[in-house]
Amino acid sequence: MAKPRSYVEARDHAHWDAVEEATELIEAGRHELALFALKSVLEKDAMNPYAYHLLGGCLHELGQLVAARDAFEAAVRVSPDHLGARVAISHVLRELGLLEEAEHQAKNALRRFPKDGEAMYALGLAQAEGGKRAEARKNLQGFLDAGAELEAADEVRVILSTLGLAENDTENEGPGDS
């Protein structure tokens, strides 16, 4: 006999089940169709954080950055501890050129999930683009230290090198940057 699930576990499972079709469409690269499926899910249950998160991802893939940001923010409103949505907000804000806001969102994610590599990555990218070299180095290195996958780790090493932020590069730093 299966152990009864708590209400929270049952609701979470139902939320995942509701986005299954949309997830398959996304994996097949059919983002426009996934948008319709996700909107249908949200019409039935406006409290599904996975639907908002996936909606944000689809909109991002389609180049609709402001709408993507809004969808990720909705995911966080209904599920404040949704780490993926918090990190995604930071990336979208950075892409929109809103670097201080991007940094704020990534720091918020790190307050909730200290030492999370993906949040460090988002924070490091926002800081690098904002010219905060020493902080960017610290967070991008933290991303690497958190056990980033090989491809992502290689990308970050290239970013650090390209920006002159490699671990042994101190000559490009200004006063107080180290």
N, C-alpha and C. Protein backbone atom coordinates (compact mmCIF):
# COMPACT_ATOMS: atom_id res chain seq x y z
N MET A 1 0.84 -1.17 0.00
CA MET A 1 0.00 0.00 0.00
C MET A 1 0.89 1.24 0.00
N ALA A 2 0.60 2.17 -0.89
CA ALA A 2 1.41 3.38 -1.02
C ALA A 2 1.16 4.32 0.15
N LYS A 3 2.25 4.95 0.57
CA LYS A 3 2.15 5.91 1.66
C LYS A 3 1.38 7.14 1.18
N PRO A 4 0.39 7.60 1.94
CA PRO A 4 -0.36 8.78 1.51
C PRO A 4 0.56 10.00 1.45
N ARG A 5 0.35 10.79 0.42
CA ARG A 5 1.14 12.01 0.26
C ARG A 5 0.51 13.15 1.03
N SER A 6 1.35 14.07 1.42
CA SER A 6 0.82 15.27 2.06
C SER A 6 0.13 16.10 0.99
N TYR A 7 -0.65 17.05 1.44
CA TYR A 7 -1.35 17.92 0.51
C TYR A 7 -0.35 18.65 -0.38
N VAL A 8 0.74 19.13 0.19
CA VAL A 8 1.75 19.87 -0.57
C VAL A 8 2.38 18.98 -1.63
N GLU A 9 2.72 17.76 -1.25
CA GLU A 9 3.31 16.83 -2.23
C GLU A 9 2.32 16.49 -3.34
N ALA A 10 1.08 16.27 -2.97
CA ALA A 10 0.05 15.95 -3.97
C ALA A 10 -0.16 17.11 -4.93
N ARG A 11 -0.20 18.33 -4.39
CA ARG A 11 -0.38 19.51 -5.24
C ARG A 11 0.82 19.68 -6.17
N ASP A 12 2.01 19.50 -5.65
CA ASP A 12 3.22 19.62 -6.47
C ASP A 12 3.21 18.60 -7.60
N HIS A 13 2.82 17.38 -7.28
CA HIS A 13 2.73 16.32 -8.29
C HIS A 13 1.69 16.69 -9.36
N ALA A 14 0.57 17.22 -8.93
CA ALA A 14 -0.47 17.63 -9.88
C ALA A 14 0.02 18.76 -10.77
N HIS A 15 0.78 19.69 -10.21
CA HIS A 15 1.33 20.79 -11.01
C HIS A 15 2.28 20.25 -12.08
N TRP A 16 3.13 19.28 -11.71
CA TRP A 16 4.03 18.69 -12.69
C TRP A 16 3.25 17.93 -13.76
N ASP A 17 2.27 17.17 -13.35
CA ASP A 17 1.45 16.42 -14.32
C ASP A 17 0.78 17.36 -15.31
N ALA A 18 0.33 18.51 -14.84
CA ALA A 18 -0.40 19.45 -15.70
C ALA A 18 0.47 20.03 -16.81
N VAL A 19 1.78 20.10 -16.60
CA VAL A 19 2.67 20.70 -17.61
C VAL A 19 3.39 19.65 -18.46
N GLU A 20 3.02 18.40 -18.31
CA GLU A 20 3.72 17.33 -19.03
C GLU A 20 3.65 17.52 -20.56
N GLU A 21 2.48 17.81 -21.08
CA GLU A 21 2.34 18.00 -22.53
C GLU A 21 3.20 19.17 -23.00
N ALA A 22 3.15 20.26 -22.27
CA ALA A 22 3.93 21.44 -22.64
C ALA A 22 5.42 21.14 -22.60
N THR A 23 5.84 20.37 -21.61
CA THR A 23 7.25 20.00 -21.50
C THR A 23 7.69 19.21 -22.72
N GLU A 24 6.86 18.29 -23.16
CA GLU A 24 7.18 17.50 -24.36
C GLU A 24 7.28 18.40 -25.59
N LEU A 25 6.39 19.38 -25.69
CA LEU A 25 6.43 20.32 -26.82
C LEU A 25 7.70 21.16 -26.78
N ILE A 26 8.09 21.58 -25.61
CA ILE A 26 9.32 22.38 -25.46
C ILE A 26 10.53 21.54 -25.86
N GLU A 27 10.57 20.30 -25.38
CA GLU A 27 11.69 19.42 -25.72
C GLU A 27 11.77 19.17 -27.22
N ALA A 28 10.63 19.24 -27.90
CA ALA A 28 10.60 19.06 -29.35
C ALA A 28 10.85 20.37 -30.09
N GLY A 29 11.08 21.46 -29.34
CA GLY A 29 11.35 22.74 -29.96
C GLY A 29 10.11 23.44 -30.50
N ARG A 30 8.96 23.04 -30.04
CA ARG A 30 7.69 23.61 -30.51
C ARG A 30 7.16 24.61 -29.48
N HIS A 31 7.90 25.70 -29.33
CA HIS A 31 7.62 26.68 -28.28
C HIS A 31 6.29 27.39 -28.46
N GLU A 32 5.90 27.69 -29.68
CA GLU A 32 4.62 28.37 -29.89
C GLU A 32 3.46 27.51 -29.42
N LEU A 33 3.51 26.21 -29.75
CA LEU A 33 2.45 25.31 -29.30
C LEU A 33 2.49 25.13 -27.78
N ALA A 34 3.70 25.11 -27.23
CA ALA A 34 3.83 24.98 -25.78
C ALA A 34 3.19 26.17 -25.08
N LEU A 35 3.31 27.36 -25.69
CA LEU A 35 2.68 28.55 -25.10
C LEU A 35 1.18 28.35 -24.92
N PHE A 36 0.53 27.81 -25.95
CA PHE A 36 -0.91 27.56 -25.86
C PHE A 36 -1.23 26.54 -24.78
N ALA A 37 -0.43 25.49 -24.72
CA ALA A 37 -0.66 24.46 -23.70
C ALA A 37 -0.48 25.04 -22.30
N LEU A 38 0.54 25.87 -22.11
CA LEU A 38 0.79 26.45 -20.79
C LEU A 38 -0.29 27.44 -20.40
N LYS A 39 -0.75 28.23 -21.35
CA LYS A 39 -1.83 29.17 -21.04
C LYS A 39 -3.10 28.41 -20.66
N SER A 40 -3.33 27.28 -21.28
CA SER A 40 -4.48 26.45 -20.93
C SER A 40 -4.34 25.91 -19.50
N VAL A 41 -3.12 25.49 -19.15
CA VAL A 41 -2.87 25.01 -17.79
C VAL A 41 -3.16 26.12 -16.79
N LEU A 42 -2.68 27.32 -17.10
CA LEU A 42 -2.85 28.44 -16.18
C LEU A 42 -4.29 28.92 -16.08
N GLU A 43 -5.07 28.74 -17.13
CA GLU A 43 -6.50 29.06 -17.06
C GLU A 43 -7.20 28.17 -16.05
N LYS A 44 -6.74 26.92 -15.95
CA LYS A 44 -7.34 25.96 -15.02
C LYS A 44 -6.78 26.11 -13.61
N ASP A 45 -5.52 26.53 -13.50
CA ASP A 45 -4.87 26.63 -12.20
C ASP A 45 -3.82 27.73 -12.24
N ALA A 46 -4.21 28.91 -11.82
CA ALA A 46 -3.32 30.08 -11.85
C ALA A 46 -2.24 30.03 -10.77
N MET A 47 -2.19 28.95 -10.00
CA MET A 47 -1.20 28.81 -8.94
C MET A 47 -0.13 27.78 -9.29
N ASN A 48 0.00 27.43 -10.56
CA ASN A 48 0.98 26.42 -10.98
C ASN A 48 2.31 27.10 -11.31
N PRO A 49 3.29 27.02 -10.40
CA PRO A 49 4.56 27.70 -10.64
C PRO A 49 5.34 27.12 -11.82
N TYR A 50 5.19 25.83 -12.06
CA TYR A 50 5.91 25.20 -13.17
C TYR A 50 5.40 25.72 -14.52
N ALA A 51 4.11 25.96 -14.60
CA ALA A 51 3.55 26.50 -15.83
C ALA A 51 4.10 27.90 -16.10
N TYR A 52 4.17 28.73 -15.06
CA TYR A 52 4.73 30.07 -15.25
C TYR A 52 6.21 30.00 -15.63
N HIS A 53 6.94 29.11 -14.96
CA HIS A 53 8.37 28.99 -15.25
C HIS A 53 8.60 28.53 -16.69
N LEU A 54 7.88 27.52 -17.11
CA LEU A 54 8.01 27.04 -18.49
C LEU A 54 7.53 28.09 -19.48
N LEU A 55 6.48 28.82 -19.14
CA LEU A 55 6.00 29.90 -19.99
C LEU A 55 7.11 30.94 -20.16
N GLY A 56 7.77 31.30 -19.07
CA GLY A 56 8.88 32.23 -19.15
C GLY A 56 9.98 31.73 -20.05
N GLY A 57 10.28 30.44 -19.95
CA GLY A 57 11.32 29.86 -20.80
C GLY A 57 10.94 29.90 -22.28
N CYS A 58 9.69 29.60 -22.57
CA CYS A 58 9.22 29.66 -23.97
C CYS A 58 9.29 31.08 -24.51
N LEU A 59 8.81 32.01 -23.73
CA LEU A 59 8.83 33.41 -24.16
C LEU A 59 10.26 33.89 -24.36
N HIS A 60 11.15 33.45 -23.50
CA HIS A 60 12.56 33.81 -23.65
C HIS A 60 13.11 33.25 -24.95
N GLU A 61 12.82 32.00 -25.22
CA GLU A 61 13.28 31.37 -26.48
C GLU A 61 12.75 32.11 -27.70
N LEU A 62 11.57 32.68 -27.57
CA LEU A 62 10.95 33.40 -28.68
C LEU A 62 11.36 34.87 -28.71
N GLY A 63 12.27 35.26 -27.83
CA GLY A 63 12.78 36.62 -27.82
C GLY A 63 11.90 37.65 -27.15
N GLN A 64 10.89 37.20 -26.43
CA GLN A 64 9.97 38.11 -25.75
C GLN A 64 10.42 38.28 -24.29
N LEU A 65 11.48 39.08 -24.11
CA LEU A 65 12.15 39.15 -22.82
C LEU A 65 11.29 39.76 -21.71
N VAL A 66 10.57 40.83 -22.00
CA VAL A 66 9.74 41.45 -20.95
C VAL A 66 8.64 40.49 -20.51
N ALA A 67 8.01 39.85 -21.46
CA ALA A 67 6.97 38.88 -21.12
C ALA A 67 7.57 37.69 -20.37
N ALA A 68 8.77 37.28 -20.75
CA ALA A 68 9.45 36.18 -20.05
C ALA A 68 9.70 36.57 -18.60
N ARG A 69 10.21 37.79 -18.40
CA ARG A 69 10.46 38.27 -17.04
C ARG A 69 9.17 38.23 -16.22
N ASP A 70 8.08 38.70 -16.80
CA ASP A 70 6.80 38.72 -16.10
C ASP A 70 6.35 37.31 -15.72
N ALA A 71 6.55 36.35 -16.61
CA ALA A 71 6.16 34.97 -16.32
C ALA A 71 7.02 34.38 -15.20
N PHE A 72 8.33 34.64 -15.24
CA PHE A 72 9.20 34.14 -14.17
C PHE A 72 8.83 34.79 -12.83
N GLU A 73 8.50 36.08 -12.88
CA GLU A 73 8.08 36.76 -11.64
C GLU A 73 6.78 36.16 -11.10
N ALA A 74 5.89 35.77 -11.99
CA ALA A 74 4.64 35.11 -11.55
C ALA A 74 4.95 33.78 -10.87
N ALA A 75 5.92 33.05 -11.40
CA ALA A 75 6.31 31.77 -10.79
C ALA A 75 6.80 32.01 -9.36
N VAL A 76 7.57 33.06 -9.17
CA VAL A 76 8.10 33.38 -7.84
C VAL A 76 6.99 33.87 -6.91
N ARG A 77 6.02 34.58 -7.45
CA ARG A 77 4.89 35.04 -6.61
C ARG A 77 4.12 33.85 -6.05
N VAL A 78 3.88 32.84 -6.87
CA VAL A 78 3.10 31.70 -6.39
C VAL A 78 3.96 30.67 -5.65
N SER A 79 5.28 30.73 -5.88
CA SER A 79 6.20 29.81 -5.21
C SER A 79 7.50 30.55 -4.89
N PRO A 80 7.55 31.25 -3.77
CA PRO A 80 8.70 32.10 -3.45
C PRO A 80 10.04 31.37 -3.42
N ASP A 81 10.05 30.08 -3.20
CA ASP A 81 11.31 29.33 -3.18
C ASP A 81 11.62 28.64 -4.50
N HIS A 82 11.02 29.09 -5.57
CA HIS A 82 11.29 28.50 -6.89
C HIS A 82 12.62 29.06 -7.40
N LEU A 83 13.68 28.32 -7.14
CA LEU A 83 15.03 28.77 -7.45
C LEU A 83 15.23 29.01 -8.95
N GLY A 84 14.76 28.10 -9.77
CA GLY A 84 14.94 28.24 -11.22
C GLY A 84 14.34 29.53 -11.75
N ALA A 85 13.18 29.88 -11.26
CA ALA A 85 12.54 31.12 -11.71
C ALA A 85 13.30 32.34 -11.21
N ARG A 86 13.80 32.28 -9.98
CA ARG A 86 14.57 33.40 -9.44
C ARG A 86 15.83 33.64 -10.27
N VAL A 87 16.52 32.58 -10.61
CA VAL A 87 17.73 32.69 -11.43
C VAL A 87 17.38 33.19 -12.83
N ALA A 88 16.31 32.67 -13.39
CA ALA A 88 15.89 33.08 -14.74
C ALA A 88 15.54 34.56 -14.79
N ILE A 89 14.90 35.08 -13.74
CA ILE A 89 14.60 36.52 -13.70
C ILE A 89 15.90 37.31 -13.81
N SER A 90 16.91 36.88 -13.08
CA SER A 90 18.18 37.59 -13.11
C SER A 90 18.77 37.60 -14.52
N HIS A 91 18.76 36.46 -15.18
CA HIS A 91 19.31 36.38 -16.54
C HIS A 91 18.54 37.30 -17.49
N VAL A 92 17.22 37.27 -17.42
CA VAL A 92 16.42 38.10 -18.32
C VAL A 92 16.66 39.59 -18.05
N LEU A 93 16.71 39.96 -16.79
CA LEU A 93 16.97 41.36 -16.47
C LEU A 93 18.33 41.80 -17.00
N ARG A 94 19.32 40.92 -16.90
CA ARG A 94 20.65 41.22 -17.44
C ARG A 94 20.56 41.41 -18.95
N GLU A 95 19.84 40.55 -19.62
CA GLU A 95 19.69 40.65 -21.07
C GLU A 95 18.95 41.94 -21.45
N LEU A 96 18.09 42.41 -20.58
CA LEU A 96 17.37 43.66 -20.81
C LEU A 96 18.23 44.88 -20.47
N GLY A 97 19.43 44.65 -19.96
CA GLY A 97 20.32 45.74 -19.59
C GLY A 97 20.05 46.32 -18.22
N LEU A 98 19.23 45.65 -17.44
CA LEU A 98 18.87 46.11 -16.09
C LEU A 98 19.78 45.39 -15.09
N LEU A 99 21.06 45.80 -15.10
CA LEU A 99 22.08 45.06 -14.37
C LEU A 99 21.93 45.11 -12.86
N GLU A 100 21.57 46.25 -12.31
CA GLU A 100 21.38 46.33 -10.85
C GLU A 100 20.22 45.44 -10.41
N GLU A 101 19.14 45.45 -11.18
CA GLU A 101 18.00 44.60 -10.85
C GLU A 101 18.37 43.12 -11.00
N ALA A 102 19.15 42.81 -12.02
CA ALA A 102 19.60 41.42 -12.23
C ALA A 102 20.44 40.96 -11.05
N GLU A 103 21.34 41.83 -10.62
CA GLU A 103 22.19 41.51 -9.47
C GLU A 103 21.34 41.32 -8.22
N HIS A 104 20.37 42.19 -8.02
CA HIS A 104 19.48 42.09 -6.86
C HIS A 104 18.75 40.74 -6.85
N GLN A 105 18.21 40.34 -7.99
CA GLN A 105 17.47 39.08 -8.06
C GLN A 105 18.38 37.88 -7.77
N ALA A 106 19.60 37.92 -8.32
CA ALA A 106 20.53 36.81 -8.07
C ALA A 106 20.93 36.76 -6.59
N LYS A 107 21.14 37.92 -5.99
CA LYS A 107 21.46 37.95 -4.56
C LYS A 107 20.30 37.44 -3.73
N ASN A 108 19.08 37.75 -4.15
CA ASN A 108 17.89 37.25 -3.47
C ASN A 108 17.87 35.72 -3.54
N ALA A 109 18.18 35.17 -4.70
CA ALA A 109 18.24 33.71 -4.84
C ALA A 109 19.30 33.13 -3.91
N LEU A 110 20.45 33.79 -3.82
CA LEU A 110 21.52 33.28 -2.95
C LEU A 110 21.17 33.41 -1.47
N ARG A 111 20.38 34.42 -1.10
CA ARG A 111 19.93 34.51 0.30
C ARG A 111 19.06 33.30 0.64
N ARG A 112 18.24 32.89 -0.30
CA ARG A 112 17.35 31.75 -0.06
C ARG A 112 18.09 30.42 -0.22
N PHE A 113 19.06 30.38 -1.12
CA PHE A 113 19.79 29.16 -1.44
C PHE A 113 21.29 29.45 -1.46
N PRO A 114 21.88 29.63 -0.28
CA PRO A 114 23.31 29.97 -0.22
C PRO A 114 24.15 28.91 -0.94
N LYS A 115 25.15 29.39 -1.63
CA LYS A 115 26.12 28.54 -2.33
C LYS A 115 25.55 27.85 -3.56
N ASP A 116 24.35 28.25 -4.03
CA ASP A 116 23.81 27.65 -5.25
C ASP A 116 24.62 28.13 -6.45
N GLY A 117 25.16 27.19 -7.19
CA GLY A 117 26.01 27.51 -8.32
C GLY A 117 25.31 28.31 -9.41
N GLU A 118 24.08 27.97 -9.73
CA GLU A 118 23.36 28.68 -10.80
C GLU A 118 23.09 30.14 -10.41
N ALA A 119 22.77 30.36 -9.14
CA ALA A 119 22.56 31.73 -8.67
C ALA A 119 23.88 32.51 -8.69
N MET A 120 24.98 31.85 -8.33
CA MET A 120 26.29 32.50 -8.41
C MET A 120 26.64 32.85 -9.85
N TYR A 121 26.30 31.97 -10.76
CA TYR A 121 26.54 32.21 -12.18
C TYR A 121 25.77 33.44 -12.65
N ALA A 122 24.49 33.51 -12.32
CA ALA A 122 23.66 34.66 -12.71
C ALA A 122 24.22 35.94 -12.10
N LEU A 123 24.59 35.89 -10.83
CA LEU A 123 25.14 37.06 -10.16
C LEU A 123 26.47 37.46 -10.79
N GLY A 124 27.33 36.49 -11.05
CA GLY A 124 28.63 36.79 -11.65
C GLY A 124 28.51 37.42 -13.02
N LEU A 125 27.58 36.94 -13.84
CA LEU A 125 27.39 37.53 -15.17
C LEU A 125 26.90 38.97 -15.06
N ALA A 126 25.94 39.21 -14.17
CA ALA A 126 25.43 40.58 -13.99
C ALA A 126 26.54 41.49 -13.50
N GLN A 127 27.34 41.01 -12.56
CA GLN A 127 28.43 41.82 -12.03
C GLN A 127 29.50 42.08 -13.10
N ALA A 128 29.81 41.07 -13.89
CA ALA A 128 30.82 41.24 -14.95
C ALA A 128 30.36 42.30 -15.94
N GLU A 129 29.11 42.22 -16.35
CA GLU A 129 28.59 43.21 -17.30
C GLU A 129 28.51 44.59 -16.68
N GLY A 130 28.35 44.65 -15.36
CA GLY A 130 28.27 45.93 -14.67
C GLY A 130 29.64 46.47 -14.26
N GLY A 131 30.70 45.78 -14.65
CA GLY A 131 32.04 46.25 -14.35
C GLY A 131 32.52 45.94 -12.94
N LYS A 132 31.83 45.09 -12.23
CA LYS A 132 32.22 44.72 -10.87
C LYS A 132 33.11 43.48 -10.94
N ARG A 133 34.35 43.71 -11.33
CA ARG A 133 35.25 42.63 -11.69
C ARG A 133 35.56 41.66 -10.55
N ALA A 134 35.93 42.17 -9.39
CA ALA A 134 36.30 41.28 -8.29
C ALA A 134 35.11 40.45 -7.82
N GLU A 135 33.94 41.10 -7.72
CA GLU A 135 32.75 40.35 -7.31
C GLU A 135 32.37 39.31 -8.34
N ALA A 136 32.49 39.68 -9.62
CA ALA A 136 32.19 38.73 -10.69
C ALA A 136 33.12 37.52 -10.60
N ARG A 137 34.40 37.79 -10.39
CA ARG A 137 35.37 36.68 -10.27
C ARG A 137 34.95 35.75 -9.15
N LYS A 138 34.64 36.33 -7.99
CA LYS A 138 34.27 35.51 -6.83
C LYS A 138 33.06 34.63 -7.14
N ASN A 139 32.03 35.19 -7.73
CA ASN A 139 30.81 34.42 -7.97
C ASN A 139 30.95 33.44 -9.12
N LEU A 140 31.65 33.83 -10.17
CA LEU A 140 31.86 32.88 -11.26
C LEU A 140 32.76 31.73 -10.81
N GLN A 141 33.76 32.03 -9.97
CA GLN A 141 34.58 30.96 -9.42
C GLN A 141 33.74 30.08 -8.50
N GLY A 142 32.83 30.69 -7.74
CA GLY A 142 31.92 29.92 -6.89
C GLY A 142 31.06 28.98 -7.71
N PHE A 143 30.63 29.43 -8.87
CA PHE A 143 29.87 28.58 -9.79
C PHE A 143 30.72 27.38 -10.19
N LEU A 144 31.98 27.63 -10.55
CA LEU A 144 32.87 26.53 -10.93
C LEU A 144 33.09 25.59 -9.75
N ASP A 145 33.31 26.14 -8.57
CA ASP A 145 33.56 25.33 -7.38
C ASP A 145 32.36 24.50 -6.96
N ALA A 146 31.15 24.95 -7.36
CA ALA A 146 29.92 24.23 -7.00
C ALA A 146 29.74 22.97 -7.84
N GLY A 147 30.64 22.73 -8.77
CA GLY A 147 30.57 21.51 -9.57
C GLY A 147 29.79 21.68 -10.84
N ALA A 148 30.04 22.78 -11.53
CA ALA A 148 29.34 23.04 -12.79
C ALA A 148 29.62 21.93 -13.80
N GLU A 149 28.65 21.67 -14.65
CA GLU A 149 28.83 20.69 -15.71
C GLU A 149 29.94 21.17 -16.63
N LEU A 150 30.59 20.24 -17.30
CA LEU A 150 31.79 20.53 -18.09
C LEU A 150 31.58 21.65 -19.09
N GLU A 151 30.51 21.59 -19.87
CA GLU A 151 30.27 22.61 -20.90
C GLU A 151 30.09 23.99 -20.28
N ALA A 152 29.30 24.07 -19.22
CA ALA A 152 29.08 25.35 -18.55
C ALA A 152 30.37 25.84 -17.89
N ALA A 153 31.12 24.93 -17.30
CA ALA A 153 32.38 25.31 -16.66
C ALA A 153 33.35 25.86 -17.70
N ASP A 154 33.43 25.24 -18.85
CA ASP A 154 34.30 25.74 -19.91
C ASP A 154 33.87 27.13 -20.35
N GLU A 155 32.56 27.33 -20.47
CA GLU A 155 32.04 28.65 -20.86
C GLU A 155 32.43 29.71 -19.85
N VAL A 156 32.32 29.40 -18.56
CA VAL A 156 32.67 30.37 -17.53
C VAL A 156 34.17 30.65 -17.54
N ARG A 157 34.98 29.63 -17.76
CA ARG A 157 36.42 29.85 -17.84
C ARG A 157 36.76 30.79 -19.00
N VAL A 158 36.07 30.63 -20.12
CA VAL A 158 36.28 31.52 -21.26
C VAL A 158 35.85 32.95 -20.90
N ILE A 159 34.72 33.07 -20.23
CA ILE A 159 34.24 34.40 -19.82
C ILE A 159 35.26 35.05 -18.90
N LEU A 160 35.74 34.31 -17.91
CA LEU A 160 36.73 34.86 -16.99
C LEU A 160 37.98 35.30 -17.73
N SER A 161 38.43 34.49 -18.65
CA SER A 161 39.62 34.82 -19.42
C SER A 161 39.39 36.01 -20.35
N THR A 162 38.27 35.99 -21.06
CA THR A 162 37.95 37.07 -22.01
C THR A 162 37.83 38.40 -21.30
N LEU A 163 37.24 38.40 -20.13
CA LEU A 163 37.04 39.64 -19.39
C LEU A 163 38.26 40.01 -18.55
N GLY A 164 39.31 39.21 -18.66
CA GLY A 164 40.47 39.49 -17.84
C GLY A 164 40.22 39.19 -16.38
N LEU A 165 39.36 38.23 -16.13
CA LEU A 165 39.00 37.90 -14.76
C LEU A 165 39.50 36.53 -14.35
N ALA A 166 40.46 36.00 -15.10
CA ALA A 166 41.00 34.70 -14.74
C ALA A 166 41.58 34.78 -13.34
N GLU A 167 41.62 33.66 -12.66
CA GLU A 167 41.98 33.62 -11.24
C GLU A 167 43.30 34.34 -10.95
N ASN A 168 44.28 34.25 -11.85
CA ASN A 168 45.58 34.87 -11.58
C ASN A 168 45.71 36.25 -12.19
N ASP A 169 44.64 36.83 -12.72
CA ASP A 169 44.69 38.13 -13.36
C ASP A 169 44.32 39.21 -12.35
N THR A 170 45.31 39.95 -11.86
CA THR A 170 45.02 41.04 -10.94
C THR A 170 45.44 42.38 -11.51
N GLU A 171 46.20 42.38 -12.61
CA GLU A 171 46.70 43.65 -13.13
C GLU A 171 45.62 44.54 -13.70
N ASN A 172 44.46 43.99 -14.08
CA ASN A 172 43.39 44.79 -14.67
C ASN A 172 42.43 45.33 -13.62
N GLU A 173 42.66 45.03 -12.37
CA GLU A 173 41.75 45.48 -11.33
C GLU A 173 42.12 46.86 -10.86
N GLY A 174 41.12 47.63 -10.53
CA GLY A 174 41.34 48.95 -9.97
C GLY A 174 41.52 48.87 -8.47
N PRO A 175 41.74 50.00 -7.83
CA PRO A 175 41.90 50.01 -6.37
C PRO A 175 40.65 49.42 -5.70
N GLY A 176 40.89 48.54 -4.74
CA GLY A 176 39.79 47.97 -3.96
C GLY A 176 39.04 46.86 -4.66
N ASP A 177 39.51 46.42 -5.85
CA ASP A 177 38.79 45.38 -6.58
C ASP A 177 39.15 43.97 -6.12
N SER A 178 40.21 43.77 -5.40
CA SER A 178 40.63 42.40 -5.10
C SER A 178 39.92 41.78 -3.96
